[in-house]
C-alpha atoms as a PDB file:
ATOM      1  CA  MET A   1      18.203 -33.918 -18.312  1.00  0.00           C
ATOM      2  CA  VAL A   2      17.584 -35.634 -14.837  1.00  0.00           C
ATOM      3  CA  ARG A   3      18.373 -32.340 -13.120  1.00  0.00           C
ATOM      4  CA  VAL A   4      15.754 -30.323 -15.287  1.00  0.00           C
ATOM      5  CA  LEU A   5      13.047 -33.160 -14.613  1.00  0.00           C
ATOM      6  CA  LEU A   6      13.795 -32.965 -10.788  1.00  0.00           C
ATOM      7  CA  THR A   7      13.686 -29.220 -10.778  1.00  0.00           C
ATOM      8  CA  THR A   8      10.357 -29.301 -12.619  1.00  0.00           C
ATOM      9  CA  LEU A   9       8.908 -31.953 -10.327  1.00  0.00           C
ATOM     10  CA  LEU A  10       9.937 -29.831  -7.323  1.00  0.00           C
ATOM     11  CA  LEU A  11       8.430 -26.656  -8.671  1.00  0.00           C
ATOM     12  CA  LEU A  12       5.292 -28.686  -9.463  1.00  0.00           C
ATOM     13  CA  CYS A  13       5.011 -29.917  -5.844  1.00  0.00           C
ATOM     14  CA  ILE A  14       5.522 -26.557  -4.393  1.00  0.00           C
ATOM     15  CA  LEU A  15       2.834 -25.063  -6.606  1.00  0.00           C
ATOM     16  CA  MET A  16       0.385 -27.851  -5.645  1.00  0.00           C
ATOM     17  CA  LEU A  17       1.138 -27.334  -1.865  1.00  0.00           C
ATOM     18  CA  GLY A  18       0.734 -23.634  -2.241  1.00  0.00           C
ATOM     19  CA  GLY A  19      -2.976 -24.075  -3.194  1.00  0.00           C
ATOM     20  CA  CYS A  20      -3.971 -25.881  -0.149  1.00  0.00           C
ATOM     21  CA  HIS A  21      -4.046 -22.941   2.220  1.00  0.00           C
ATOM     22  CA  ARG A  22      -6.837 -20.708   3.305  1.00  0.00           C
ATOM     23  CA  SER A  23      -7.625 -17.736   1.009  1.00  0.00           C
ATOM     24  CA  LEU A  24      -6.440 -14.257   1.841  1.00  0.00           C
ATOM     25  CA  PHE A  25      -9.918 -12.742   1.485  1.00  0.00           C
ATOM     26  CA  PRO A  26     -12.793 -14.947   2.627  1.00  0.00           C
ATOM     27  CA  ASP A  27     -15.826 -15.264   0.509  1.00  0.00           C
ATOM     28  CA  ASN A  28     -18.249 -14.201   3.216  1.00  0.00           C
ATOM     29  CA  ASN A  29     -18.378 -10.552   1.974  1.00  0.00           C
ATOM     30  CA  LYS A  30     -18.299 -11.567  -1.616  1.00  0.00           C
ATOM     31  CA  ASN A  31     -21.660 -10.135  -2.555  1.00  0.00           C
ATOM     32  CA  LEU A  32     -21.313  -7.126  -0.390  1.00  0.00           C
ATOM     33  CA  THR A  33     -21.398  -3.931  -2.234  1.00  0.00           C
ATOM     34  CA  GLN A  34     -20.371  -0.438  -1.119  1.00  0.00           C
ATOM     35  CA  PHE A  35     -24.176   0.417  -0.395  1.00  0.00           C
ATOM     36  CA  ASP A  36     -24.637  -2.878   1.649  1.00  0.00           C
ATOM     37  CA  ALA A  37     -21.420  -2.026   3.680  1.00  0.00           C
ATOM     38  CA  TYR A  38     -22.725   1.501   4.469  1.00  0.00           C
ATOM     39  CA  ASP A  39     -26.108   0.202   5.439  1.00  0.00           C
ATOM     40  CA  THR A  40     -24.496  -2.444   7.727  1.00  0.00           C
ATOM     41  CA  MET A  41     -22.216   0.092   9.404  1.00  0.00           C
ATOM     42  CA  ARG A  42     -25.193   2.560   9.904  1.00  0.00           C
ATOM     43  CA  HIS A  43     -28.155   0.292  10.680  1.00  0.00           C
ATOM     44  CA  GLY A  44     -26.538  -3.007  11.667  1.00  0.00           C
ATOM     45  CA  ALA A  45     -26.844  -6.370  10.081  1.00  0.00           C
ATOM     46  CA  LEU A  46     -29.494  -6.877   7.438  1.00  0.00           C
ATOM     47  CA  ILE A  47     -32.162  -9.311   8.456  1.00  0.00           C
ATOM     48  CA  THR A  48     -33.003 -11.525   5.610  1.00  0.00           C
ATOM     49  CA  GLU A  49     -35.113 -14.376   7.170  1.00  0.00           C
ATOM     50  CA  LYS A  50     -37.278 -14.469  10.290  1.00  0.00           C
ATOM     51  CA  PRO A  51     -39.103 -17.508  11.584  1.00  0.00           C
ATOM     52  CA  ASP A  52     -42.972 -17.692  10.959  1.00  0.00           C
ATOM     53  CA  GLU A  53     -45.525 -18.823  13.482  1.00  0.00           C
ATOM     54  CA  TYR A  54     -44.489 -22.438  13.040  1.00  0.00           C
ATOM     55  CA  GLY A  55     -40.815 -21.712  13.347  1.00  0.00           C
ATOM     56  CA  LEU A  56     -39.975 -22.274   9.649  1.00  0.00           C
ATOM     57  CA  PRO A  57     -37.778 -19.547   8.096  1.00  0.00           C
ATOM     58  CA  GLU A  58     -39.359 -17.153   5.717  1.00  0.00           C
ATOM     59  CA  PRO A  59     -38.080 -13.884   3.966  1.00  0.00           C
ATOM     60  CA  ALA A  60     -38.265 -10.894   6.073  1.00  0.00           C
ATOM     61  CA  ILE A  61     -39.773  -8.673   3.317  1.00  0.00           C
ATOM     62  CA  ARG A  62     -41.317  -6.027   5.593  1.00  0.00           C
ATOM     63  CA  THR A  63     -38.218  -5.619   7.481  1.00  0.00           C
ATOM     64  CA  ARG A  64     -36.058  -5.267   4.362  1.00  0.00           C
ATOM     65  CA  LEU A  65     -38.410  -2.824   2.658  1.00  0.00           C
ATOM     66  CA  SER A  66     -39.224  -0.596   5.598  1.00  0.00           C
ATOM     67  CA  ARG A  67     -37.375   2.743   5.950  1.00  0.00           C
ATOM     68  CA  HIS A  68     -35.749   1.893   9.250  1.00  0.00           C
ATOM     69  CA  ARG A  69     -34.134  -1.474   9.461  1.00  0.00           C
ATOM     70  CA  ARG A  70     -34.451  -1.589  13.442  1.00  0.00           C
END
């Protein structure tokens, strides 16, 4: 009985330690679709925000909606 309890505790500790490492696939490309990946390779990174005349970030709508991203 004690041996089963120790084995269970050991397996539980191993499983808990296994969850404390960095993930294999980082989440920075989580929302990247195949079309976004193609556009990034073809035209460069997508500009989502640009500073206004006061230096505050605002959405870069004209840049995102234009035909050529550069």
